[in-house]
Amino acid sequence: MMRSSPKITRVQLKVNQNNESVLVGIVSTEPDYKLSLAINKKFKISLKNSRPVIVQDENGTDIAFSRFSDDASKKGPYELISNRIEKNFLIRKLKNIDYIFQIHNAVNTLEADNIMSLLRSTDSVTAVFNLDLKSLKDKNLHYIIQ
């Protein structure tokens, strides 16, 4: 008795070639933990306090900007990063922005627009801005974009 060779099935995988991050600036007077809870409720994700972004000021003093990450989300990882600690800013050109909400591997601009409108409808958010990575030049940007 001869064995028949197994049938080969070809499967096409759809790979997301867009590995760009989308940055959204958020203006909010709420502390970082309250804003992360509000975003968690709105997006049904789980932002959790993670390792802070640590930069040095001109005097060589370390400044820690809080970071909340959601790596377990099926939609893709999100990060909420504080842009302001007292009188210090992570991205100086964005002095009017309190937080940076980063969406890794955004599928398309429609997804980014939907995320921005959800953020705008969040109670503790005063304003939302789409941040253009190409025009944003700052020495601390590499701490966010990895």
C-alpha atoms as a PDB file:
ATOM      1  CA  MET A   1       0.000   0.000   0.000  1.00  0.00           C
ATOM      2  CA  MET A   2       1.447   3.391  -1.011  1.00  0.00           C
ATOM      3  CA  ARG A   3       1.167   6.441   1.120  1.00  0.00           C
ATOM      4  CA  SER A   4      -0.215   9.470  -0.561  1.00  0.00           C
ATOM      5  CA  SER A   5       1.769  12.622   0.056  1.00  0.00           C
ATOM      6  CA  PRO A   6      -0.021  15.192   2.226  1.00  0.00           C
ATOM      7  CA  LYS A   7      -1.823  17.948   0.392  1.00  0.00           C
ATOM      8  CA  ILE A   8      -0.025  21.270   0.671  1.00  0.00           C
ATOM      9  CA  THR A   9      -2.219  24.237   1.456  1.00  0.00           C
ATOM     10  CA  ARG A  10      -0.885  27.686   0.766  1.00  0.00           C
ATOM     11  CA  VAL A  11      -1.985  30.311   3.252  1.00  0.00           C
ATOM     12  CA  GLN A  12      -1.630  34.026   2.568  1.00  0.00           C
ATOM     13  CA  LEU A  13      -0.888  36.045   5.686  1.00  0.00           C
ATOM     14  CA  LYS A  14      -1.809  39.673   5.760  1.00  0.00           C
ATOM     15  CA  VAL A  15       1.121  41.513   7.282  1.00  0.00           C
ATOM     16  CA  ASN A  16       0.779  45.071   8.418  1.00  0.00           C
ATOM     17  CA  GLN A  17       3.638  46.875   6.703  1.00  0.00           C
ATOM     18  CA  ASN A  18       2.845  50.116   8.504  1.00  0.00           C
ATOM     19  CA  ASN A  19       5.014  50.202  11.592  1.00  0.00           C
ATOM     20  CA  GLU A  20       4.595  53.920  12.046  1.00  0.00           C
ATOM     21  CA  SER A  21       3.550  55.289  15.359  1.00  0.00           C
ATOM     22  CA  VAL A  22       0.821  57.867  15.621  1.00  0.00           C
ATOM     23  CA  LEU A  23       1.311  60.533  18.261  1.00  0.00           C
ATOM     24  CA  VAL A  24      -1.632  62.404  19.710  1.00  0.00           C
ATOM     25  CA  GLY A  25      -1.210  65.368  22.033  1.00  0.00           C
ATOM     26  CA  ILE A  26      -3.673  65.571  24.921  1.00  0.00           C
ATOM     27  CA  VAL A  27      -4.487  68.603  27.045  1.00  0.00           C
ATOM     28  CA  SER A  28      -5.878  67.588  30.437  1.00  0.00           C
ATOM     29  CA  THR A  29      -5.676  68.936  33.960  1.00  0.00           C
ATOM     30  CA  GLU A  30      -6.151  65.443  35.414  1.00  0.00           C
ATOM     31  CA  PRO A  31      -3.214  63.591  37.001  1.00  0.00           C
ATOM     32  CA  ASP A  32      -1.725  60.835  34.837  1.00  0.00           C
ATOM     33  CA  TYR A  33      -3.330  57.923  36.710  1.00  0.00           C
ATOM     34  CA  LYS A  34      -6.852  59.434  36.457  1.00  0.00           C
ATOM     35  CA  LEU A  35      -6.424  60.128  32.742  1.00  0.00           C
ATOM     36  CA  SER A  36      -5.170  56.586  32.139  1.00  0.00           C
ATOM     37  CA  LEU A  37      -8.231  55.193  33.947  1.00  0.00           C
ATOM     38  CA  ALA A  38     -10.553  57.354  31.816  1.00  0.00           C
ATOM     39  CA  ILE A  39      -8.810  56.207  28.621  1.00  0.00           C
ATOM     40  CA  ASN A  40      -8.967  52.580  29.790  1.00  0.00           C
ATOM     41  CA  LYS A  41     -12.739  52.870  30.212  1.00  0.00           C
ATOM     42  CA  LYS A  42     -13.266  54.621  26.881  1.00  0.00           C
ATOM     43  CA  PHE A  43     -11.049  52.284  24.800  1.00  0.00           C
ATOM     44  CA  LYS A  44     -11.601  49.095  26.825  1.00  0.00           C
ATOM     45  CA  ILE A  45      -7.839  48.666  27.157  1.00  0.00           C
ATOM     46  CA  SER A  46      -5.545  48.272  30.131  1.00  0.00           C
ATOM     47  CA  LEU A  47      -3.007  51.069  30.438  1.00  0.00           C
ATOM     48  CA  LYS A  48      -0.762  50.291  33.390  1.00  0.00           C
ATOM     49  CA  ASN A  49       2.030  52.285  34.988  1.00  0.00           C
ATOM     50  CA  SER A  50       5.298  51.162  33.378  1.00  0.00           C
ATOM     51  CA  ARG A  51       8.903  52.315  33.341  1.00  0.00           C
ATOM     52  CA  PRO A  52       9.090  56.106  33.091  1.00  0.00           C
ATOM     53  CA  VAL A  53      10.843  58.074  30.360  1.00  0.00           C
ATOM     54  CA  ILE A  54      13.978  59.450  32.031  1.00  0.00           C
ATOM     55  CA  VAL A  55      15.792  62.427  30.509  1.00  0.00           C
ATOM     56  CA  GLN A  56      18.452  64.766  31.804  1.00  0.00           C
ATOM     57  CA  ASP A  57      17.914  68.502  31.988  1.00  0.00           C
ATOM     58  CA  GLU A  58      20.625  71.033  31.154  1.00  0.00           C
ATOM     59  CA  ASN A  59      22.030  70.684  34.698  1.00  0.00           C
ATOM     60  CA  GLY A  60      22.410  66.909  34.345  1.00  0.00           C
ATOM     61  CA  THR A  61      19.523  66.159  36.720  1.00  0.00           C
ATOM     62  CA  ASP A  62      17.377  63.127  35.833  1.00  0.00           C
ATOM     63  CA  ILE A  63      13.711  63.904  35.239  1.00  0.00           C
ATOM     64  CA  ALA A  64      11.213  61.020  35.111  1.00  0.00           C
ATOM     65  CA  PHE A  65       8.116  61.459  32.929  1.00  0.00           C
ATOM     66  CA  SER A  66       5.405  58.927  33.744  1.00  0.00           C
ATOM     67  CA  ARG A  67       4.464  56.297  31.177  1.00  0.00           C
ATOM     68  CA  PHE A  68       1.410  54.048  31.088  1.00  0.00           C
ATOM     69  CA  SER A  69       1.518  51.145  28.602  1.00  0.00           C
ATOM     70  CA  ASP A  70      -0.952  48.625  27.261  1.00  0.00           C
ATOM     71  CA  ASP A  71       1.083  45.871  25.645  1.00  0.00           C
ATOM     72  CA  ALA A  72      -1.535  43.185  26.066  1.00  0.00           C
ATOM     73  CA  SER A  73      -4.215  44.844  23.936  1.00  0.00           C
ATOM     74  CA  LYS A  74      -5.328  42.986  20.816  1.00  0.00           C
ATOM     75  CA  LYS A  75      -5.650  46.284  18.966  1.00  0.00           C
ATOM     76  CA  GLY A  76      -1.973  47.065  19.413  1.00  0.00           C
ATOM     77  CA  PRO A  77       0.072  48.654  22.126  1.00  0.00           C
ATOM     78  CA  TYR A  78      -0.836  52.085  23.358  1.00  0.00           C
ATOM     79  CA  GLU A  79       1.219  54.382  25.561  1.00  0.00           C
ATOM     80  CA  LEU A  80       0.304  57.459  27.549  1.00  0.00           C
ATOM     81  CA  ILE A  81       3.379  59.544  28.339  1.00  0.00           C
ATOM     82  CA  SER A  82       3.458  62.656  30.479  1.00  0.00           C
ATOM     83  CA  ASN A  83       4.911  65.684  28.674  1.00  0.00           C
ATOM     84  CA  ARG A  84       5.057  67.949  31.726  1.00  0.00           C
ATOM     85  CA  ILE A  85       6.638  67.567  35.156  1.00  0.00           C
ATOM     86  CA  GLU A  86       6.341  70.845  37.070  1.00  0.00           C
ATOM     87  CA  LYS A  87       8.211  73.339  34.809  1.00  0.00           C
ATOM     88  CA  ASN A  88       9.984  70.693  32.715  1.00  0.00           C
ATOM     89  CA  PHE A  89       8.801  69.358  29.362  1.00  0.00           C
ATOM     90  CA  LEU A  90       9.698  66.124  27.601  1.00  0.00           C
ATOM     91  CA  ILE A  91       9.117  67.754  24.188  1.00  0.00           C
ATOM     92  CA  ARG A  92       9.751  71.482  24.666  1.00  0.00           C
ATOM     93  CA  LYS A  93       8.015  72.526  21.436  1.00  0.00           C
ATOM     94  CA  LEU A  94       4.794  71.056  22.834  1.00  0.00           C
ATOM     95  CA  LYS A  95       4.448  73.229  25.926  1.00  0.00           C
ATOM     96  CA  ASN A  96       0.663  73.369  25.515  1.00  0.00           C
ATOM     97  CA  ILE A  97       0.425  69.538  25.551  1.00  0.00           C
ATOM     98  CA  ASP A  98       0.158  67.728  28.901  1.00  0.00           C
ATOM     99  CA  TYR A  99       0.290  64.127  27.638  1.00  0.00           C
ATOM    100  CA  ILE A 100       1.352  62.253  24.529  1.00  0.00           C
ATOM    101  CA  PHE A 101      -0.795  59.280  23.543  1.00  0.00           C
ATOM    102  CA  GLN A 102       1.122  56.955  21.254  1.00  0.00           C
ATOM    103  CA  ILE A 103      -0.485  54.339  19.038  1.00  0.00           C
ATOM    104  CA  HIS A 104       2.060  51.833  17.749  1.00  0.00           C
ATOM    105  CA  ASN A 105       1.437  50.239  14.339  1.00  0.00           C
ATOM    106  CA  ALA A 106      -1.664  52.248  13.493  1.00  0.00           C
ATOM    107  CA  VAL A 107      -3.402  50.539  10.596  1.00  0.00           C
ATOM    108  CA  ASN A 108      -4.498  53.683   8.781  1.00  0.00           C
ATOM    109  CA  THR A 109      -5.431  57.311   9.221  1.00  0.00           C
ATOM    110  CA  LEU A 110      -9.091  56.374   9.730  1.00  0.00           C
ATOM    111  CA  GLU A 111      -8.128  54.385  12.824  1.00  0.00           C
ATOM    112  CA  ALA A 112      -6.115  57.359  14.100  1.00  0.00           C
ATOM    113  CA  ASP A 113      -9.086  59.695  13.465  1.00  0.00           C
ATOM    114  CA  ASN A 114     -11.416  57.333  15.351  1.00  0.00           C
ATOM    115  CA  ILE A 115      -8.995  57.221  18.271  1.00  0.00           C
ATOM    116  CA  MET A 116      -8.760  61.014  18.326  1.00  0.00           C
ATOM    117  CA  SER A 117     -12.549  61.435  18.358  1.00  0.00           C
ATOM    118  CA  LEU A 118     -12.826  58.876  21.193  1.00  0.00           C
ATOM    119  CA  LEU A 119     -10.208  60.834  23.131  1.00  0.00           C
ATOM    120  CA  ARG A 120     -12.105  64.091  22.507  1.00  0.00           C
ATOM    121  CA  SER A 121     -15.241  62.520  23.972  1.00  0.00           C
ATOM    122  CA  THR A 122     -13.409  61.505  27.166  1.00  0.00           C
ATOM    123  CA  ASP A 123     -14.553  63.606  30.149  1.00  0.00           C
ATOM    124  CA  SER A 124     -11.160  64.569  31.509  1.00  0.00           C
ATOM    125  CA  VAL A 125      -9.702  65.581  28.110  1.00  0.00           C
ATOM    126  CA  THR A 126      -9.819  69.290  27.222  1.00  0.00           C
ATOM    127  CA  ALA A 127      -8.220  69.111  23.749  1.00  0.00           C
ATOM    128  CA  VAL A 128      -6.657  66.589  21.345  1.00  0.00           C
ATOM    129  CA  PHE A 129      -4.064  67.298  18.638  1.00  0.00           C
ATOM    130  CA  ASN A 130      -2.586  65.082  15.939  1.00  0.00           C
ATOM    131  CA  LEU A 131       1.196  65.447  16.197  1.00  0.00           C
ATOM    132  CA  ASP A 132       3.119  65.255  12.930  1.00  0.00           C
ATOM    133  CA  LEU A 133       6.261  63.191  13.498  1.00  0.00           C
ATOM    134  CA  LYS A 134       7.938  64.504  10.351  1.00  0.00           C
ATOM    135  CA  SER A 135       7.730  68.159  11.378  1.00  0.00           C
ATOM    136  CA  LEU A 136       8.392  67.557  15.067  1.00  0.00           C
ATOM    137  CA  LYS A 137      12.088  67.945  15.814  1.00  0.00           C
ATOM    138  CA  ASP A 138      13.252  67.530  19.389  1.00  0.00           C
ATOM    139  CA  LYS A 139      16.262  65.865  20.992  1.00  0.00           C
ATOM    140  CA  ASN A 140      13.978  63.938  23.388  1.00  0.00           C
ATOM    141  CA  LEU A 141      11.759  62.492  20.635  1.00  0.00           C
ATOM    142  CA  HIS A 142      13.903  59.350  20.454  1.00  0.00           C
ATOM    143  CA  TYR A 143      12.786  58.490  24.009  1.00  0.00           C
ATOM    144  CA  ILE A 144       9.243  58.111  22.690  1.00  0.00           C
ATOM    145  CA  ILE A 145       9.800  56.688  19.210  1.00  0.00           C
ATOM    146  CA  GLN A 146      11.713  53.432  19.432  1.00  0.00           C
END
